[in-house]
Amino acid sequence: MKRIVAGLMVLIAGLASMAATQNWLGTVERTPASHLVGNPDAPVTVTEYISYTCPHCRDFTLQGEEILKVGYVQPGDLRFEYRHVAANIIDMTATMLAFCGAPEKFPRNHAALMAAQPQFNALRRMATKSQTDRWTNGDLAARRRAVASDLNLYAILEQRGYSRSELDQCLADQALADRIESAIAQDVEKYGPIPTPSFAVNGQMLENVHGWERLSQVLASPLPAAPSE
């Protein structure tokens, strides 16, 4: 009997240790227009408002996002939300490609697009009139396919294992595009114009915080409480 009790105690201790060291980076929730990474019960949620054509958003991805994830999200202390400010057809196309596949694929889709941003922004600047005409005229899904082709966005996601038909199916999801546009409109109505990147903590927009240096200072200070249910 003593050996059984001792065995149970070891098992319980092991389970407690596993819970204490759980890596929350693999927990990804998809909402109608965003993704949240981390412990659903974390007391703090940091929301980043992003645009895939925004160089400062890329700076945050490279300079601070992984530090934030490893230091705060992984141990379960903070949940991180990616929320989109798709100001043009290129942003919308990239955003819809980032959404492609299961929710768990989003963080790496996002990272791949941000890593390649200098290349597709350069192609955007060099676009011909015939290309930009294809982006702004005709069926919406066809416009997004034209952007994905002309700016090599297809290639970025194909390197992630997607087929062209899968990506076209994602770009044809007008319901997703409508949800993203609706979420943007609601956020702008709530906060006013949103420069990218911008950050909110527990639903409160941070003033003059548009990069990792200032956000890291905020995270080191007492944070706004989560809204009560």
C-alpha atoms as a PDB file:
ATOM      1  CA  MET A   1       0.000   0.000   0.000  1.00  0.00           C
ATOM      2  CA  LYS A   2       2.807   2.393   0.902  1.00  0.00           C
ATOM      3  CA  ARG A   3       4.446   1.680  -2.441  1.00  0.00           C
ATOM      4  CA  ILE A   4       1.183   2.477  -4.268  1.00  0.00           C
ATOM      5  CA  VAL A   5       0.798   5.753  -2.393  1.00  0.00           C
ATOM      6  CA  ALA A   6       4.430   6.634  -3.079  1.00  0.00           C
ATOM      7  CA  GLY A   7       3.934   5.862  -6.767  1.00  0.00           C
ATOM      8  CA  LEU A   8       0.865   8.061  -6.908  1.00  0.00           C
ATOM      9  CA  MET A   9       2.766  10.884  -5.236  1.00  0.00           C
ATOM     10  CA  VAL A  10       5.553  10.609  -7.827  1.00  0.00           C
ATOM     11  CA  LEU A  11       2.961  10.624 -10.635  1.00  0.00           C
ATOM     12  CA  ILE A  12       1.198  13.683  -9.199  1.00  0.00           C
ATOM     13  CA  ALA A  13       4.507  15.485  -8.765  1.00  0.00           C
ATOM     14  CA  GLY A  14       5.424  14.672 -12.354  1.00  0.00           C
ATOM     15  CA  LEU A  15       2.125  15.970 -13.672  1.00  0.00           C
ATOM     16  CA  ALA A  16       2.507  19.154 -11.627  1.00  0.00           C
ATOM     17  CA  SER A  17       6.007  19.636 -13.016  1.00  0.00           C
ATOM     18  CA  MET A  18       4.762  19.145 -16.568  1.00  0.00           C
ATOM     19  CA  ALA A  19       1.993  21.701 -16.010  1.00  0.00           C
ATOM     20  CA  ALA A  20       4.471  24.164 -14.540  1.00  0.00           C
ATOM     21  CA  THR A  21       6.784  23.859 -17.541  1.00  0.00           C
ATOM     22  CA  GLN A  22       4.151  23.729 -20.297  1.00  0.00           C
ATOM     23  CA  ASN A  23       5.178  25.555 -23.442  1.00  0.00           C
ATOM     24  CA  TRP A  24       2.212  27.726 -24.420  1.00  0.00           C
ATOM     25  CA  LEU A  25       3.676  28.787 -27.764  1.00  0.00           C
ATOM     26  CA  GLY A  26       1.929  25.876 -29.457  1.00  0.00           C
ATOM     27  CA  THR A  27      -1.510  26.992 -28.270  1.00  0.00           C
ATOM     28  CA  VAL A  28      -3.034  29.081 -31.068  1.00  0.00           C
ATOM     29  CA  GLU A  29      -6.661  30.241 -31.186  1.00  0.00           C
ATOM     30  CA  ARG A  30      -8.213  31.671 -34.342  1.00  0.00           C
ATOM     31  CA  THR A  31     -10.937  34.281 -33.915  1.00  0.00           C
ATOM     32  CA  PRO A  32     -12.997  35.564 -36.853  1.00  0.00           C
ATOM     33  CA  ALA A  33     -10.279  38.135 -37.667  1.00  0.00           C
ATOM     34  CA  SER A  34      -7.182  37.458 -35.543  1.00  0.00           C
ATOM     35  CA  HIS A  35      -4.969  34.833 -33.899  1.00  0.00           C
ATOM     36  CA  LEU A  36      -4.042  34.521 -30.240  1.00  0.00           C
ATOM     37  CA  VAL A  37      -0.974  32.596 -29.069  1.00  0.00           C
ATOM     38  CA  GLY A  38      -0.569  31.439 -25.500  1.00  0.00           C
ATOM     39  CA  ASN A  39      -2.362  30.507 -22.319  1.00  0.00           C
ATOM     40  CA  PRO A  40      -6.095  31.336 -22.578  1.00  0.00           C
ATOM     41  CA  ASP A  41      -6.080  32.005 -18.822  1.00  0.00           C
ATOM     42  CA  ALA A  42      -3.099  34.384 -18.895  1.00  0.00           C
ATOM     43  CA  PRO A  43      -3.830  37.587 -16.952  1.00  0.00           C
ATOM     44  CA  VAL A  44      -2.403  39.796 -19.709  1.00  0.00           C
ATOM     45  CA  THR A  45      -3.204  39.939 -23.427  1.00  0.00           C
ATOM     46  CA  VAL A  46      -1.012  42.082 -25.677  1.00  0.00           C
ATOM     47  CA  THR A  47      -2.510  42.857 -29.082  1.00  0.00           C
ATOM     48  CA  GLU A  48      -0.334  43.940 -31.986  1.00  0.00           C
ATOM     49  CA  TYR A  49      -1.981  45.814 -34.857  1.00  0.00           C
ATOM     50  CA  ILE A  50       0.014  44.908 -37.952  1.00  0.00           C
ATOM     51  CA  SER A  51       0.302  45.499 -41.674  1.00  0.00           C
ATOM     52  CA  TYR A  52       2.382  43.247 -43.888  1.00  0.00           C
ATOM     53  CA  THR A  53       3.648  46.176 -45.966  1.00  0.00           C
ATOM     54  CA  CYS A  54       4.748  48.144 -42.876  1.00  0.00           C
ATOM     55  CA  PRO A  55       8.559  48.123 -42.358  1.00  0.00           C
ATOM     56  CA  HIS A  56       8.184  49.038 -38.671  1.00  0.00           C
ATOM     57  CA  CYS A  57       5.994  45.955 -38.186  1.00  0.00           C
ATOM     58  CA  ARG A  58       8.791  43.866 -39.644  1.00  0.00           C
ATOM     59  CA  ASP A  59      11.229  45.563 -37.259  1.00  0.00           C
ATOM     60  CA  PHE A  60       9.095  44.482 -34.311  1.00  0.00           C
ATOM     61  CA  THR A  61       8.858  40.927 -35.657  1.00  0.00           C
ATOM     62  CA  LEU A  62      12.646  40.719 -35.915  1.00  0.00           C
ATOM     63  CA  GLN A  63      13.584  42.668 -32.772  1.00  0.00           C
ATOM     64  CA  GLY A  64      11.003  41.902 -30.129  1.00  0.00           C
ATOM     65  CA  GLU A  65       8.394  39.326 -31.005  1.00  0.00           C
ATOM     66  CA  GLU A  66      10.466  36.249 -30.143  1.00  0.00           C
ATOM     67  CA  ILE A  67      11.765  37.854 -26.953  1.00  0.00           C
ATOM     68  CA  LEU A  68       8.181  38.571 -25.917  1.00  0.00           C
ATOM     69  CA  LYS A  69       7.080  35.045 -26.775  1.00  0.00           C
ATOM     70  CA  VAL A  70       9.916  33.253 -24.999  1.00  0.00           C
ATOM     71  CA  GLY A  71       9.930  35.526 -21.973  1.00  0.00           C
ATOM     72  CA  TYR A  72       6.202  36.010 -21.444  1.00  0.00           C
ATOM     73  CA  VAL A  73       4.048  33.790 -23.667  1.00  0.00           C
ATOM     74  CA  GLN A  74       5.891  30.486 -23.369  1.00  0.00           C
ATOM     75  CA  PRO A  75       5.589  30.263 -19.553  1.00  0.00           C
ATOM     76  CA  GLY A  76       1.906  31.256 -19.681  1.00  0.00           C
ATOM     77  CA  ASP A  77       2.142  34.762 -18.240  1.00  0.00           C
ATOM     78  CA  LEU A  78       0.908  36.582 -21.343  1.00  0.00           C
ATOM     79  CA  ARG A  79      -1.210  35.941 -24.417  1.00  0.00           C
ATOM     80  CA  PHE A  80      -0.246  37.577 -27.703  1.00  0.00           C
ATOM     81  CA  GLU A  81      -2.793  38.564 -30.345  1.00  0.00           C
ATOM     82  CA  TYR A  82      -2.056  39.318 -33.993  1.00  0.00           C
ATOM     83  CA  ARG A  83      -4.646  41.755 -35.322  1.00  0.00           C
ATOM     84  CA  HIS A  84      -4.601  43.233 -38.814  1.00  0.00           C
ATOM     85  CA  VAL A  85      -4.803  46.701 -40.323  1.00  0.00           C
ATOM     86  CA  ALA A  86      -5.103  45.744 -44.002  1.00  0.00           C
ATOM     87  CA  ALA A  87      -5.063  49.172 -45.608  1.00  0.00           C
ATOM     88  CA  ASN A  88      -4.791  48.052 -49.226  1.00  0.00           C
ATOM     89  CA  ILE A  89      -5.135  45.066 -51.552  1.00  0.00           C
ATOM     90  CA  ILE A  90      -1.555  43.942 -50.881  1.00  0.00           C
ATOM     91  CA  ASP A  91      -2.054  43.912 -47.120  1.00  0.00           C
ATOM     92  CA  MET A  92      -5.330  42.043 -47.532  1.00  0.00           C
ATOM     93  CA  THR A  93      -3.786  39.463 -49.853  1.00  0.00           C
ATOM     94  CA  ALA A  94      -0.876  38.822 -47.487  1.00  0.00           C
ATOM     95  CA  THR A  95      -3.221  38.649 -44.501  1.00  0.00           C
ATOM     96  CA  MET A  96      -5.450  36.080 -46.181  1.00  0.00           C
ATOM     97  CA  LEU A  97      -2.422  33.991 -47.113  1.00  0.00           C
ATOM     98  CA  ALA A  98      -1.222  34.148 -43.501  1.00  0.00           C
ATOM     99  CA  PHE A  99      -4.622  32.755 -42.433  1.00  0.00           C
ATOM    100  CA  CYS A 100      -4.276  29.810 -44.819  1.00  0.00           C
ATOM    101  CA  GLY A 101      -4.367  26.406 -43.158  1.00  0.00           C
ATOM    102  CA  ALA A 102      -4.881  25.366 -39.548  1.00  0.00           C
ATOM    103  CA  PRO A 103      -4.565  28.037 -36.833  1.00  0.00           C
ATOM    104  CA  GLU A 104      -1.285  26.494 -35.653  1.00  0.00           C
ATOM    105  CA  LYS A 105       0.309  27.375 -38.995  1.00  0.00           C
ATOM    106  CA  PHE A 106      -0.359  31.079 -38.671  1.00  0.00           C
ATOM    107  CA  PRO A 107       2.676  32.180 -36.592  1.00  0.00           C
ATOM    108  CA  ARG A 108       5.149  30.722 -39.092  1.00  0.00           C
ATOM    109  CA  ASN A 109       3.129  31.970 -42.067  1.00  0.00           C
ATOM    110  CA  HIS A 110       3.301  35.406 -40.464  1.00  0.00           C
ATOM    111  CA  ALA A 111       7.044  35.140 -39.845  1.00  0.00           C
ATOM    112  CA  ALA A 112       7.705  34.024 -43.424  1.00  0.00           C
ATOM    113  CA  LEU A 113       5.773  36.946 -44.880  1.00  0.00           C
ATOM    114  CA  MET A 114       7.505  39.452 -42.628  1.00  0.00           C
ATOM    115  CA  ALA A 115      10.922  38.010 -43.472  1.00  0.00           C
ATOM    116  CA  ALA A 116      10.211  38.427 -47.195  1.00  0.00           C
ATOM    117  CA  GLN A 117       8.694  41.909 -46.878  1.00  0.00           C
ATOM    118  CA  PRO A 118      11.658  43.843 -48.354  1.00  0.00           C
ATOM    119  CA  GLN A 119      11.442  41.741 -51.506  1.00  0.00           C
ATOM    120  CA  PHE A 120       7.719  42.077 -52.115  1.00  0.00           C
ATOM    121  CA  ASN A 121       7.721  45.761 -51.148  1.00  0.00           C
ATOM    122  CA  ALA A 122      10.455  46.303 -53.757  1.00  0.00           C
ATOM    123  CA  LEU A 123       8.359  44.511 -56.382  1.00  0.00           C
ATOM    124  CA  ARG A 124       5.415  46.658 -55.351  1.00  0.00           C
ATOM    125  CA  ARG A 125       7.399  49.834 -55.962  1.00  0.00           C
ATOM    126  CA  MET A 126       8.487  48.576 -59.398  1.00  0.00           C
ATOM    127  CA  ALA A 127       4.995  47.457 -60.462  1.00  0.00           C
ATOM    128  CA  THR A 128       3.858  48.431 -63.940  1.00  0.00           C
ATOM    129  CA  LYS A 129       0.554  50.098 -64.697  1.00  0.00           C
ATOM    130  CA  SER A 130      -0.781  46.878 -66.205  1.00  0.00           C
ATOM    131  CA  GLN A 131       0.003  45.106 -62.940  1.00  0.00           C
ATOM    132  CA  THR A 132      -1.610  47.707 -60.713  1.00  0.00           C
ATOM    133  CA  ASP A 133      -4.637  47.705 -63.021  1.00  0.00           C
ATOM    134  CA  ARG A 134      -4.993  43.977 -62.371  1.00  0.00           C
ATOM    135  CA  TRP A 135      -4.852  44.652 -58.638  1.00  0.00           C
ATOM    136  CA  THR A 136      -7.615  47.242 -58.688  1.00  0.00           C
ATOM    137  CA  ASN A 137     -10.095  46.025 -61.309  1.00  0.00           C
ATOM    138  CA  GLY A 138     -12.330  43.019 -61.677  1.00  0.00           C
ATOM    139  CA  ASP A 139     -13.295  40.198 -59.367  1.00  0.00           C
ATOM    140  CA  LEU A 140     -11.855  40.577 -55.853  1.00  0.00           C
ATOM    141  CA  ALA A 141     -10.411  37.066 -55.703  1.00  0.00           C
ATOM    142  CA  ALA A 142      -8.789  37.599 -59.119  1.00  0.00           C
ATOM    143  CA  ARG A 143      -7.233  40.842 -57.858  1.00  0.00           C
ATOM    144  CA  ARG A 144      -5.746  39.029 -54.873  1.00  0.00           C
ATOM    145  CA  ARG A 145      -4.397  36.239 -57.100  1.00  0.00           C
ATOM    146  CA  ALA A 146      -2.767  38.877 -59.318  1.00  0.00           C
ATOM    147  CA  VAL A 147      -1.099  40.487 -56.285  1.00  0.00           C
ATOM    148  CA  ALA A 148       0.098  37.097 -55.014  1.00  0.00           C
ATOM    149  CA  SER A 149       1.571  36.293 -58.422  1.00  0.00           C
ATOM    150  CA  ASP A 150       3.146  39.674 -59.216  1.00  0.00           C
ATOM    151  CA  LEU A 151       4.733  40.088 -55.761  1.00  0.00           C
ATOM    152  CA  ASN A 152       5.877  36.453 -55.400  1.00  0.00           C
ATOM    153  CA  LEU A 153       3.647  35.906 -52.365  1.00  0.00           C
ATOM    154  CA  TYR A 154       2.672  32.504 -53.714  1.00  0.00           C
ATOM    155  CA  ALA A 155       6.317  31.415 -53.581  1.00  0.00           C
ATOM    156  CA  ILE A 156       6.660  32.404 -49.917  1.00  0.00           C
ATOM    157  CA  LEU A 157       3.803  30.140 -48.875  1.00  0.00           C
ATOM    158  CA  GLU A 158       4.692  27.368 -51.312  1.00  0.00           C
ATOM    159  CA  GLN A 159       8.013  27.132 -49.477  1.00  0.00           C
ATOM    160  CA  ARG A 160       5.902  26.492 -46.375  1.00  0.00           C
ATOM    161  CA  GLY A 161       4.386  23.429 -48.072  1.00  0.00           C
ATOM    162  CA  TYR A 162       1.187  24.882 -49.539  1.00  0.00           C
ATOM    163  CA  SER A 163      -0.014  24.077 -53.041  1.00  0.00           C
ATOM    164  CA  ARG A 164      -1.140  26.778 -55.456  1.00  0.00           C
ATOM    165  CA  SER A 165      -4.693  25.419 -55.364  1.00  0.00           C
ATOM    166  CA  GLU A 166      -4.760  25.633 -51.543  1.00  0.00           C
ATOM    167  CA  LEU A 167      -3.563  29.228 -51.657  1.00  0.00           C
ATOM    168  CA  ASP A 168      -6.101  30.170 -54.341  1.00  0.00           C
ATOM    169  CA  GLN A 169      -8.842  28.675 -52.205  1.00  0.00           C
ATOM    170  CA  CYS A 170      -7.726  30.835 -49.285  1.00  0.00           C
ATOM    171  CA  LEU A 171      -7.634  33.955 -51.474  1.00  0.00           C
ATOM    172  CA  ALA A 172     -11.174  33.217 -52.657  1.00  0.00           C
ATOM    173  CA  ASP A 173     -12.548  33.286 -49.092  1.00  0.00           C
ATOM    174  CA  GLN A 174     -14.530  36.522 -49.344  1.00  0.00           C
ATOM    175  CA  ALA A 175     -16.196  35.849 -46.007  1.00  0.00           C
ATOM    176  CA  LEU A 176     -12.763  36.046 -44.356  1.00  0.00           C
ATOM    177  CA  ALA A 177     -11.947  39.285 -46.213  1.00  0.00           C
ATOM    178  CA  ASP A 178     -15.266  40.752 -45.064  1.00  0.00           C
ATOM    179  CA  ARG A 179     -14.592  39.762 -41.436  1.00  0.00           C
ATOM    180  CA  ILE A 180     -11.128  41.334 -41.507  1.00  0.00           C
ATOM    181  CA  GLU A 181     -12.484  44.565 -43.008  1.00  0.00           C
ATOM    182  CA  SER A 182     -15.297  44.641 -40.463  1.00  0.00           C
ATOM    183  CA  ALA A 183     -12.845  44.133 -37.588  1.00  0.00           C
ATOM    184  CA  ILE A 184     -10.661  46.956 -38.897  1.00  0.00           C
ATOM    185  CA  ALA A 185     -13.671  49.279 -39.088  1.00  0.00           C
ATOM    186  CA  GLN A 186     -14.676  48.404 -35.519  1.00  0.00           C
ATOM    187  CA  ASP A 187     -11.148  48.951 -34.214  1.00  0.00           C
ATOM    188  CA  VAL A 188     -10.880  52.334 -35.955  1.00  0.00           C
ATOM    189  CA  GLU A 189     -14.265  53.333 -34.568  1.00  0.00           C
ATOM    190  CA  LYS A 190     -13.081  52.400 -31.071  1.00  0.00           C
ATOM    191  CA  TYR A 191      -9.548  53.828 -31.170  1.00  0.00           C
ATOM    192  CA  GLY A 192      -9.421  56.203 -34.125  1.00  0.00           C
ATOM    193  CA  PRO A 193      -6.775  55.822 -36.859  1.00  0.00           C
ATOM    194  CA  ILE A 194      -4.332  53.031 -35.952  1.00  0.00           C
ATOM    195  CA  PRO A 195      -0.706  53.482 -37.058  1.00  0.00           C
ATOM    196  CA  THR A 196       1.214  50.252 -37.451  1.00  0.00           C
ATOM    197  CA  PRO A 197       2.462  48.676 -35.408  1.00  0.00           C
ATOM    198  CA  SER A 198       0.354  49.707 -32.441  1.00  0.00           C
ATOM    199  CA  PHE A 199      -0.193  47.766 -29.241  1.00  0.00           C
ATOM    200  CA  ALA A 200      -3.020  47.308 -26.774  1.00  0.00           C
ATOM    201  CA  VAL A 201      -2.793  45.692 -23.334  1.00  0.00           C
ATOM    202  CA  ASN A 202      -5.957  44.021 -22.081  1.00  0.00           C
ATOM    203  CA  GLY A 203      -7.978  46.035 -24.574  1.00  0.00           C
ATOM    204  CA  GLN A 204      -6.422  49.420 -23.751  1.00  0.00           C
ATOM    205  CA  MET A 205      -4.476  51.028 -26.606  1.00  0.00           C
ATOM    206  CA  LEU A 206      -1.000  52.166 -25.572  1.00  0.00           C
ATOM    207  CA  GLU A 207      -0.096  55.737 -26.470  1.00  0.00           C
ATOM    208  CA  ASN A 208       3.140  56.344 -28.353  1.00  0.00           C
ATOM    209  CA  VAL A 209       4.139  52.686 -28.302  1.00  0.00           C
ATOM    210  CA  HIS A 210       5.024  51.552 -31.812  1.00  0.00           C
ATOM    211  CA  GLY A 211       8.009  49.261 -31.339  1.00  0.00           C
ATOM    212  CA  TRP A 212       9.787  46.811 -29.085  1.00  0.00           C
ATOM    213  CA  GLU A 213      11.850  49.341 -27.126  1.00  0.00           C
ATOM    214  CA  ARG A 214       8.796  51.151 -25.757  1.00  0.00           C
ATOM    215  CA  LEU A 215       6.706  47.984 -25.422  1.00  0.00           C
ATOM    216  CA  SER A 216       9.420  46.292 -23.367  1.00  0.00           C
ATOM    217  CA  GLN A 217       9.341  49.261 -20.985  1.00  0.00           C
ATOM    218  CA  VAL A 218       5.556  48.924 -20.661  1.00  0.00           C
ATOM    219  CA  LEU A 219       5.834  45.192 -19.922  1.00  0.00           C
ATOM    220  CA  ALA A 220       8.306  45.953 -17.130  1.00  0.00           C
ATOM    221  CA  SER A 221       5.724  48.240 -15.457  1.00  0.00           C
ATOM    222  CA  PRO A 222       2.369  47.505 -13.812  1.00  0.00           C
ATOM    223  CA  LEU A 223      -0.069  46.653 -16.609  1.00  0.00           C
ATOM    224  CA  PRO A 224      -3.740  47.567 -17.076  1.00  0.00           C
ATOM    225  CA  ALA A 225      -6.025  44.961 -15.583  1.00  0.00           C
ATOM    226  CA  ALA A 226      -8.087  42.716 -17.823  1.00  0.00           C
ATOM    227  CA  PRO A 227     -11.694  43.912 -18.200  1.00  0.00           C
ATOM    228  CA  SER A 228     -14.138  42.170 -15.878  1.00  0.00           C
ATOM    229  CA  GLU A 229     -16.591  39.753 -17.420  1.00  0.00           C
END
